[in-house]
Amino acid sequence: MEGTSYLTIAYLGMIAALAIWTWTVVVRSRSIETRLEAVESSIGIDVSQADEFAAQSSATVQDDATV
């Protein structure tokens, strides 16, 4: 094979590897989101309250970091 053929195969392999990696990241993200929704529903938090709790949580962490 010529050098350009090897280069073409290498580029296609890299594109395929990036596509597979991206797909696994998306699937894991969806899985984490599903788990988070399950936890929120099990402790009785709806969507409107979730942002409020996140803001309180980050404020608490910042307060602890400055001590």
Protein backbone atom coordinates (compact mmCIF):
# COMPACT_ATOMS: atom_id res chain seq x y z
CA MET A 1 0.00 0.00 0.00
CA GLU A 2 1.09 3.52 -0.58
CA GLY A 3 1.59 6.06 2.17
CA THR A 4 -1.66 7.85 1.37
CA SER A 5 -3.63 4.62 1.78
CA TYR A 6 -2.16 4.06 5.23
CA LEU A 7 -2.89 7.67 6.12
CA THR A 8 -6.50 7.32 4.91
CA ILE A 9 -7.01 4.17 6.97
CA ALA A 10 -5.46 5.85 10.02
CA TYR A 11 -7.74 8.89 9.70
CA LEU A 12 -10.82 6.70 9.29
CA GLY A 13 -9.75 4.71 12.34
CA MET A 14 -9.34 7.87 14.40
CA ILE A 15 -12.74 9.17 13.29
CA ALA A 16 -14.32 5.83 14.21
CA ALA A 17 -12.58 5.85 17.61
CA LEU A 18 -13.79 9.39 18.31
CA ALA A 19 -17.33 8.44 17.29
CA ILE A 20 -17.31 5.42 19.60
CA TRP A 21 -15.89 7.49 22.48
CA THR A 22 -18.49 10.21 21.94
CA TRP A 23 -21.28 7.65 21.88
CA THR A 24 -20.13 6.10 25.18
CA VAL A 25 -19.97 9.55 26.81
CA VAL A 26 -23.52 10.33 25.64
CA VAL A 27 -24.83 6.98 26.90
CA ARG A 28 -23.14 7.42 30.29
CA SER A 29 -24.50 10.95 30.55
CA ARG A 30 -28.03 9.71 29.90
CA SER A 31 -27.53 6.96 32.48
CA ILE A 32 -26.36 9.45 35.10
CA GLU A 33 -29.28 11.76 34.32
CA THR A 34 -31.72 8.86 34.72
CA ARG A 35 -30.18 7.89 38.04
CA LEU A 36 -30.28 11.48 39.26
CA GLU A 37 -33.96 11.77 38.35
CA ALA A 38 -34.64 8.53 40.23
CA VAL A 39 -32.89 9.83 43.34
CA GLU A 40 -34.71 13.17 43.13
CA SER A 41 -38.07 11.46 42.79
CA SER A 42 -37.33 9.04 45.64
CA ILE A 43 -36.64 11.89 48.06
CA GLY A 44 -39.56 13.93 46.76
CA ILE A 45 -37.82 16.71 44.86
CA ASP A 46 -39.49 18.05 41.74
CA VAL A 47 -37.73 19.90 38.94
CA SER A 48 -38.48 23.39 40.27
CA GLN A 49 -36.96 22.55 43.66
CA ALA A 50 -33.91 20.79 42.24
CA ASP A 51 -32.25 24.03 41.13
CA GLU A 52 -32.92 25.60 44.53
CA PHE A 53 -31.20 22.70 46.30
CA ALA A 54 -28.26 22.83 43.92
CA ALA A 55 -27.78 26.54 44.63
CA GLN A 56 -27.94 25.94 48.38
CA SER A 57 -25.51 23.05 48.09
CA SER A 58 -22.94 25.05 46.12
CA ALA A 59 -23.26 27.97 48.57
CA THR A 60 -22.59 25.60 51.47
CA VAL A 61 -19.55 24.16 49.76
CA GLN A 62 -18.15 27.64 49.08
CA ASP A 63 -18.71 28.62 52.71
CA ASP A 64 -16.88 25.49 53.88
CA ALA A 65 -13.99 26.15 51.50
CA THR A 66 -13.34 29.61 52.92
CA VAL A 67 -13.17 28.47 56.53
